[in-house]
């Protein structure tokens, strides 16, 4: 019998996102990623911005995305330690947004990390020649392409954060493949 998939990390992330939105509201201005504050030394915003959201629908859509990820990729996120990629992907997502976005003055949300987590899991599935991974990777690439080709339709989206999450996922997949082939 196969080991059960762990619920600990997705529940923990869900709690952090809910607490970040509802209980940390008085501190959102100091915790959301804002380029001027970041460049003046507020480096923690790279992480804290991932835990905050602009409004309840933003939060709840990201929570739904997290749980769909958990359901869609049980092999990639079976154990608690499989979730280690959340931190580097989230930080890369925030960095891309703050460094590349010409319009976002304030960034908050987990969607860039979700893009990266989906791409990471899909990429690992694709390496193992599983069709769902290849399909999700193509879908994410098409969605990112659409967002960059038609920016007027995606003004509210943090497309650079999404791109940062995907790039970080690609780098992590390549590093894992290199490590496996060199061992």
C-alpha atoms as a PDB file:
ATOM      1  CA  UNK A   1       0.000   0.000   0.000  1.00  0.00           C
ATOM      2  CA  UNK A   2       1.357   3.420  -0.975  1.00  0.00           C
ATOM      3  CA  UNK A   3       2.116   5.995   1.694  1.00  0.00           C
ATOM      4  CA  UNK A   4      -0.563   8.593   2.266  1.00  0.00           C
ATOM      5  CA  UNK A   5       0.035  12.084   1.019  1.00  0.00           C
ATOM      6  CA  UNK A   6       0.913  14.521   3.802  1.00  0.00           C
ATOM      7  CA  UNK A   7      -1.556  17.266   4.664  1.00  0.00           C
ATOM      8  CA  UNK A   8       0.718  19.062   7.112  1.00  0.00           C
ATOM      9  CA  UNK A   9       2.409  21.517   4.730  1.00  0.00           C
ATOM     10  CA  UNK A  10      -0.631  22.539   2.642  1.00  0.00           C
ATOM     11  CA  UNK A  11      -2.620  23.055   5.849  1.00  0.00           C
ATOM     12  CA  UNK A  12       0.281  25.061   7.285  1.00  0.00           C
ATOM     13  CA  UNK A  13       0.553  27.230   4.168  1.00  0.00           C
ATOM     14  CA  UNK A  14      -3.225  27.743   4.172  1.00  0.00           C
ATOM     15  CA  UNK A  15      -3.142  28.860   7.811  1.00  0.00           C
ATOM     16  CA  UNK A  16      -0.237  31.239   7.099  1.00  0.00           C
ATOM     17  CA  UNK A  17      -2.092  32.773   4.146  1.00  0.00           C
ATOM     18  CA  UNK A  18      -5.320  33.216   6.133  1.00  0.00           C
ATOM     19  CA  UNK A  19      -3.488  34.641   9.159  1.00  0.00           C
ATOM     20  CA  UNK A  20      -1.433  36.877   6.869  1.00  0.00           C
ATOM     21  CA  UNK A  21      -4.535  38.381   5.334  1.00  0.00           C
ATOM     22  CA  UNK A  22      -6.899  38.635   8.268  1.00  0.00           C
ATOM     23  CA  UNK A  23      -4.739  38.999  11.372  1.00  0.00           C
ATOM     24  CA  UNK A  24      -1.787  40.930   9.978  1.00  0.00           C
ATOM     25  CA  UNK A  25      -3.940  43.540   8.211  1.00  0.00           C
ATOM     26  CA  UNK A  26      -2.668  46.448  10.368  1.00  0.00           C
ATOM     27  CA  UNK A  27       0.891  45.681   9.219  1.00  0.00           C
ATOM     28  CA  UNK A  28       0.205  45.076   5.512  1.00  0.00           C
ATOM     29  CA  UNK A  29       1.891  48.336   4.422  1.00  0.00           C
ATOM     30  CA  UNK A  30       5.157  47.195   6.033  1.00  0.00           C
ATOM     31  CA  UNK A  31       4.851  43.582   4.859  1.00  0.00           C
ATOM     32  CA  UNK A  32       3.689  43.929   1.242  1.00  0.00           C
ATOM     33  CA  UNK A  33       6.474  44.166  -1.306  1.00  0.00           C
ATOM     34  CA  UNK A  34       6.984  47.793  -2.239  1.00  0.00           C
ATOM     35  CA  UNK A  35       9.973  48.683  -4.383  1.00  0.00           C
ATOM     36  CA  UNK A  36      10.974  51.871  -2.524  1.00  0.00           C
ATOM     37  CA  UNK A  37      10.891  50.128   0.863  1.00  0.00           C
ATOM     38  CA  UNK A  38      12.657  47.059  -0.506  1.00  0.00           C
ATOM     39  CA  UNK A  39      15.476  49.141  -1.980  1.00  0.00           C
ATOM     40  CA  UNK A  40      15.836  50.890   1.383  1.00  0.00           C
ATOM     41  CA  UNK A  41      16.452  47.557   3.122  1.00  0.00           C
ATOM     42  CA  UNK A  42      13.053  45.931   3.723  1.00  0.00           C
ATOM     43  CA  UNK A  43      14.337  42.589   2.392  1.00  0.00           C
ATOM     44  CA  UNK A  44      11.796  40.607   4.468  1.00  0.00           C
ATOM     45  CA  UNK A  45       9.087  41.807   2.076  1.00  0.00           C
ATOM     46  CA  UNK A  46      10.355  39.200  -0.420  1.00  0.00           C
ATOM     47  CA  UNK A  47       8.887  36.552   1.896  1.00  0.00           C
ATOM     48  CA  UNK A  48       6.076  38.368   3.691  1.00  0.00           C
ATOM     49  CA  UNK A  49       4.489  39.578   0.439  1.00  0.00           C
ATOM     50  CA  UNK A  50       3.873  35.928  -0.452  1.00  0.00           C
ATOM     51  CA  UNK A  51       1.689  35.560   2.646  1.00  0.00           C
ATOM     52  CA  UNK A  52      -0.505  38.600   2.011  1.00  0.00           C
ATOM     53  CA  UNK A  53      -3.279  39.332  -0.479  1.00  0.00           C
ATOM     54  CA  UNK A  54      -5.049  42.430  -1.754  1.00  0.00           C
ATOM     55  CA  UNK A  55      -8.598  41.206  -1.089  1.00  0.00           C
ATOM     56  CA  UNK A  56     -10.531  38.090  -0.023  1.00  0.00           C
ATOM     57  CA  UNK A  57     -11.141  36.726  -3.557  1.00  0.00           C
ATOM     58  CA  UNK A  58      -7.390  37.000  -4.242  1.00  0.00           C
ATOM     59  CA  UNK A  59      -6.685  35.002  -1.068  1.00  0.00           C
ATOM     60  CA  UNK A  60      -9.341  32.359  -1.690  1.00  0.00           C
ATOM     61  CA  UNK A  61      -8.351  31.806  -5.330  1.00  0.00           C
ATOM     62  CA  UNK A  62      -4.756  31.237  -4.239  1.00  0.00           C
ATOM     63  CA  UNK A  63      -5.891  28.826  -1.517  1.00  0.00           C
ATOM     64  CA  UNK A  64      -7.947  26.931  -4.092  1.00  0.00           C
ATOM     65  CA  UNK A  65      -4.891  26.824  -6.362  1.00  0.00           C
ATOM     66  CA  UNK A  66      -2.784  25.394  -3.535  1.00  0.00           C
ATOM     67  CA  UNK A  67      -5.238  22.581  -2.852  1.00  0.00           C
ATOM     68  CA  UNK A  68      -5.711  21.813  -6.553  1.00  0.00           C
ATOM     69  CA  UNK A  69      -1.911  21.525  -6.794  1.00  0.00           C
ATOM     70  CA  UNK A  70      -1.902  19.112  -3.858  1.00  0.00           C
ATOM     71  CA  UNK A  71      -4.621  17.008  -5.533  1.00  0.00           C
ATOM     72  CA  UNK A  72      -3.188  17.158  -9.053  1.00  0.00           C
ATOM     73  CA  UNK A  73       0.406  16.241  -8.163  1.00  0.00           C
ATOM     74  CA  UNK A  74       0.287  13.723  -5.294  1.00  0.00           C
ATOM     75  CA  UNK A  75       3.584  12.109  -6.314  1.00  0.00           C
ATOM     76  CA  UNK A  76       5.479  15.390  -6.281  1.00  0.00           C
ATOM     77  CA  UNK A  77       4.172  16.601  -2.918  1.00  0.00           C
ATOM     78  CA  UNK A  78       3.729  13.341  -1.020  1.00  0.00           C
ATOM     79  CA  UNK A  79       6.072  14.046   1.916  1.00  0.00           C
ATOM     80  CA  UNK A  80       6.514  17.209   3.972  1.00  0.00           C
ATOM     81  CA  UNK A  81      10.108  17.616   2.769  1.00  0.00           C
ATOM     82  CA  UNK A  82       8.901  17.685  -0.857  1.00  0.00           C
ATOM     83  CA  UNK A  83       7.619  21.209  -0.192  1.00  0.00           C
ATOM     84  CA  UNK A  84      11.084  22.720   0.397  1.00  0.00           C
ATOM     85  CA  UNK A  85      10.824  24.398  -3.013  1.00  0.00           C
ATOM     86  CA  UNK A  86       8.159  26.833  -1.772  1.00  0.00           C
ATOM     87  CA  UNK A  87      10.720  29.194  -0.253  1.00  0.00           C
ATOM     88  CA  UNK A  88      13.141  29.608  -3.195  1.00  0.00           C
ATOM     89  CA  UNK A  89      10.275  29.771  -5.681  1.00  0.00           C
ATOM     90  CA  UNK A  90       8.418  32.351  -3.576  1.00  0.00           C
ATOM     91  CA  UNK A  91      11.508  34.512  -3.135  1.00  0.00           C
ATOM     92  CA  UNK A  92      12.295  34.366  -6.870  1.00  0.00           C
ATOM     93  CA  UNK A  93       8.704  35.291  -7.622  1.00  0.00           C
ATOM     94  CA  UNK A  94       8.943  38.374  -5.407  1.00  0.00           C
ATOM     95  CA  UNK A  95      12.369  39.323  -6.781  1.00  0.00           C
ATOM     96  CA  UNK A  96      11.188  39.173 -10.384  1.00  0.00           C
ATOM     97  CA  UNK A  97       8.189  41.344  -9.537  1.00  0.00           C
ATOM     98  CA  UNK A  98      10.147  44.016  -7.688  1.00  0.00           C
ATOM     99  CA  UNK A  99      13.054  44.100 -10.151  1.00  0.00           C
ATOM    100  CA  UNK A 100      11.211  43.816 -13.481  1.00  0.00           C
ATOM    101  CA  UNK A 101       7.713  45.184 -13.062  1.00  0.00           C
ATOM    102  CA  UNK A 102       7.356  48.732 -14.326  1.00  0.00           C
ATOM    103  CA  UNK A 103       3.803  49.165 -13.000  1.00  0.00           C
ATOM    104  CA  UNK A 104       3.453  47.288  -9.728  1.00  0.00           C
ATOM    105  CA  UNK A 105       4.045  49.600  -6.847  1.00  0.00           C
ATOM    106  CA  UNK A 106       2.850  47.057  -4.286  1.00  0.00           C
ATOM    107  CA  UNK A 107       3.006  43.279  -4.646  1.00  0.00           C
ATOM    108  CA  UNK A 108       1.249  40.745  -2.491  1.00  0.00           C
ATOM    109  CA  UNK A 109       0.019  37.258  -3.170  1.00  0.00           C
ATOM    110  CA  UNK A 110       0.942  33.638  -3.543  1.00  0.00           C
ATOM    111  CA  UNK A 111       0.143  33.255  -7.246  1.00  0.00           C
ATOM    112  CA  UNK A 112       3.758  33.653  -8.406  1.00  0.00           C
ATOM    113  CA  UNK A 113       4.776  30.884  -6.030  1.00  0.00           C
ATOM    114  CA  UNK A 114       1.833  28.798  -7.255  1.00  0.00           C
ATOM    115  CA  UNK A 115       2.897  29.225 -10.884  1.00  0.00           C
ATOM    116  CA  UNK A 116       6.339  28.015  -9.876  1.00  0.00           C
ATOM    117  CA  UNK A 117       5.037  25.103  -7.800  1.00  0.00           C
ATOM    118  CA  UNK A 118       2.785  23.972 -10.645  1.00  0.00           C
ATOM    119  CA  UNK A 119       5.649  24.254 -13.120  1.00  0.00           C
ATOM    120  CA  UNK A 120       8.013  22.429 -10.777  1.00  0.00           C
ATOM    121  CA  UNK A 121       5.614  19.515 -10.207  1.00  0.00           C
ATOM    122  CA  UNK A 122       4.617  19.419 -13.874  1.00  0.00           C
ATOM    123  CA  UNK A 123       8.261  19.496 -14.930  1.00  0.00           C
ATOM    124  CA  UNK A 124       9.111  16.589 -12.674  1.00  0.00           C
ATOM    125  CA  UNK A 125       6.144  14.677 -14.107  1.00  0.00           C
ATOM    126  CA  UNK A 126       7.231  15.554 -17.648  1.00  0.00           C
ATOM    127  CA  UNK A 127      10.768  14.285 -16.942  1.00  0.00           C
ATOM    128  CA  UNK A 128       9.116  11.013 -15.925  1.00  0.00           C
ATOM    129  CA  UNK A 129       7.105  11.105 -19.185  1.00  0.00           C
ATOM    130  CA  UNK A 130       3.749  11.591 -17.484  1.00  0.00           C
ATOM    131  CA  UNK A 131       1.289  13.346 -19.782  1.00  0.00           C
ATOM    132  CA  UNK A 132      -0.377  15.505 -17.113  1.00  0.00           C
ATOM    133  CA  UNK A 133       2.912  17.251 -16.414  1.00  0.00           C
ATOM    134  CA  UNK A 134       3.544  18.003 -20.057  1.00  0.00           C
ATOM    135  CA  UNK A 135      -0.001  19.308 -20.447  1.00  0.00           C
ATOM    136  CA  UNK A 136       0.266  21.590 -17.397  1.00  0.00           C
ATOM    137  CA  UNK A 137       3.655  22.924 -18.547  1.00  0.00           C
ATOM    138  CA  UNK A 138       2.249  23.792 -21.970  1.00  0.00           C
ATOM    139  CA  UNK A 139      -0.776  25.435 -20.340  1.00  0.00           C
ATOM    140  CA  UNK A 140       1.378  27.539 -18.041  1.00  0.00           C
ATOM    141  CA  UNK A 141       3.658  28.586 -20.903  1.00  0.00           C
ATOM    142  CA  UNK A 142       0.640  29.597 -23.010  1.00  0.00           C
ATOM    143  CA  UNK A 143      -0.883  31.544 -20.113  1.00  0.00           C
ATOM    144  CA  UNK A 144       2.373  33.402 -19.450  1.00  0.00           C
ATOM    145  CA  UNK A 145       2.729  34.144 -23.161  1.00  0.00           C
ATOM    146  CA  UNK A 146      -0.833  35.477 -23.277  1.00  0.00           C
ATOM    147  CA  UNK A 147      -0.228  37.714 -20.257  1.00  0.00           C
ATOM    148  CA  UNK A 148       2.861  39.249 -21.865  1.00  0.00           C
ATOM    149  CA  UNK A 149       1.338  39.580 -25.361  1.00  0.00           C
ATOM    150  CA  UNK A 150      -1.855  41.223 -24.108  1.00  0.00           C
ATOM    151  CA  UNK A 151      -0.794  43.270 -21.080  1.00  0.00           C
ATOM    152  CA  UNK A 152      -3.847  45.541 -21.167  1.00  0.00           C
ATOM    153  CA  UNK A 153      -5.992  42.530 -20.252  1.00  0.00           C
ATOM    154  CA  UNK A 154      -3.719  41.533 -17.371  1.00  0.00           C
ATOM    155  CA  UNK A 155      -2.845  44.888 -15.809  1.00  0.00           C
ATOM    156  CA  UNK A 156      -3.912  43.684 -12.355  1.00  0.00           C
ATOM    157  CA  UNK A 157      -1.847  40.489 -12.584  1.00  0.00           C
ATOM    158  CA  UNK A 158       1.674  40.249 -11.323  1.00  0.00           C
ATOM    159  CA  UNK A 159       2.996  38.694 -14.530  1.00  0.00           C
ATOM    160  CA  UNK A 160       6.624  39.176 -13.526  1.00  0.00           C
ATOM    161  CA  UNK A 161       5.969  37.355 -10.248  1.00  0.00           C
ATOM    162  CA  UNK A 162       4.408  34.514 -12.228  1.00  0.00           C
ATOM    163  CA  UNK A 163       7.403  34.470 -14.558  1.00  0.00           C
ATOM    164  CA  UNK A 164       9.781  34.482 -11.577  1.00  0.00           C
ATOM    165  CA  UNK A 165       8.057  31.460 -10.089  1.00  0.00           C
ATOM    166  CA  UNK A 166       8.321  29.549 -13.368  1.00  0.00           C
ATOM    167  CA  UNK A 167      11.967  30.484 -13.926  1.00  0.00           C
ATOM    168  CA  UNK A 168      12.857  29.407 -10.384  1.00  0.00           C
ATOM    169  CA  UNK A 169      11.047  26.103 -10.942  1.00  0.00           C
ATOM    170  CA  UNK A 170      12.957  25.519 -14.190  1.00  0.00           C
ATOM    171  CA  UNK A 171      16.266  26.193 -12.451  1.00  0.00           C
ATOM    172  CA  UNK A 172      15.399  23.810  -9.607  1.00  0.00           C
ATOM    173  CA  UNK A 173      14.375  21.065 -12.041  1.00  0.00           C
ATOM    174  CA  UNK A 174      17.591  21.502 -14.035  1.00  0.00           C
ATOM    175  CA  UNK A 175      19.701  21.429 -10.861  1.00  0.00           C
ATOM    176  CA  UNK A 176      17.971  18.255  -9.694  1.00  0.00           C
ATOM    177  CA  UNK A 177      18.491  16.629 -13.091  1.00  0.00           C
ATOM    178  CA  UNK A 178      22.152  17.632 -13.100  1.00  0.00           C
ATOM    179  CA  UNK A 179      22.612  16.263  -9.581  1.00  0.00           C
ATOM    180  CA  UNK A 180      20.950  12.944 -10.503  1.00  0.00           C
ATOM    181  CA  UNK A 181      23.005  12.489 -13.669  1.00  0.00           C
ATOM    182  CA  UNK A 182      26.304  13.442 -12.054  1.00  0.00           C
ATOM    183  CA  UNK A 183      25.827  11.103  -9.076  1.00  0.00           C
END
